[in-house]
Amino acid sequence: MTGFLWKARGGPAAPPPWLVDAVAVQLSGFTTQSLAGDLGRSPDQVAQVSVQVIEAALAAALTPSE
């Protein structure tokens, strides 16, 4: 999934390992359980949070470091 998102955004070569990890965490059952089960978020809210986190991580990974 991360590789697809990375290429769709024009990322060079392979995505950085930390981005792969961040996306995996957002798509894991543990994240869903924490947000929905523990914090009472709806499925739509869980999805929206994951989208926001993945978008932010992609933006950070694609921003050249100084």
Protein backbone atom coordinates (compact mmCIF):
# COMPACT_ATOMS: atom_id res chain seq x y z
CA MET A 1 0.00 0.00 0.00
CA THR A 2 2.75 2.46 0.94
CA GLY A 3 4.60 1.85 -2.30
CA PHE A 4 1.44 2.58 -4.30
CA LEU A 5 0.80 5.83 -2.39
CA TRP A 6 4.46 6.82 -2.69
CA LYS A 7 4.54 6.32 -6.46
CA ALA A 8 1.16 8.05 -6.91
CA ARG A 9 2.62 11.12 -5.19
CA GLY A 10 5.76 11.04 -7.33
CA GLY A 11 8.10 9.74 -4.65
CA PRO A 12 11.56 8.83 -5.90
CA ALA A 13 12.76 5.23 -5.61
CA ALA A 14 11.34 3.42 -2.59
CA PRO A 15 9.47 5.02 0.31
CA PRO A 16 11.46 5.54 3.51
CA PRO A 17 11.09 2.74 6.06
CA TRP A 18 9.51 5.04 8.66
CA LEU A 19 6.72 5.87 6.17
CA VAL A 20 6.08 2.18 5.54
CA ASP A 21 5.79 1.71 9.31
CA ALA A 22 3.48 4.71 9.75
CA VAL A 23 1.09 3.52 7.06
CA ALA A 24 1.12 -0.03 8.44
CA VAL A 25 0.23 1.24 11.91
CA GLN A 26 -2.68 3.30 10.55
CA LEU A 27 -4.07 0.29 8.69
CA SER A 28 -3.63 -2.15 11.57
CA GLY A 29 -6.37 -3.67 13.66
CA PHE A 30 -4.65 -2.26 16.74
CA THR A 31 -5.30 1.30 15.56
CA THR A 32 -8.91 0.51 14.76
CA GLN A 33 -9.42 -1.12 18.15
CA SER A 34 -7.81 1.78 19.99
CA LEU A 35 -9.79 4.48 18.23
CA ALA A 36 -13.13 2.67 17.94
CA GLY A 37 -13.13 0.37 20.93
CA ASP A 38 -11.23 2.41 23.48
CA LEU A 39 -12.11 5.96 22.39
CA GLY A 40 -15.58 5.35 20.95
CA ARG A 41 -14.88 6.71 17.48
CA SER A 42 -17.19 5.73 14.62
CA PRO A 43 -15.83 3.80 11.62
CA ASP A 44 -15.96 7.02 9.58
CA GLN A 45 -14.00 8.89 12.25
CA VAL A 46 -11.39 6.13 12.39
CA ALA A 47 -11.00 6.28 8.61
CA GLN A 48 -10.72 10.08 8.63
CA VAL A 49 -8.01 10.05 11.29
CA SER A 50 -6.04 7.47 9.34
CA VAL A 51 -6.35 9.53 6.15
CA GLN A 52 -5.10 12.64 7.95
CA VAL A 53 -2.14 10.84 9.50
CA ILE A 54 -1.15 9.12 6.25
CA GLU A 55 -1.49 12.39 4.29
CA ALA A 56 0.69 14.22 6.82
CA ALA A 57 3.30 11.46 6.79
CA LEU A 58 3.41 11.44 2.99
CA ALA A 59 3.79 15.21 2.89
CA ALA A 60 6.63 15.06 5.41
CA ALA A 61 8.39 12.26 3.56
CA LEU A 62 8.15 14.14 0.25
CA THR A 63 9.42 17.43 1.67
CA PRO A 64 13.14 17.80 1.02
CA SER A 65 15.15 18.06 4.22
CA GLU A 66 17.56 20.92 4.60
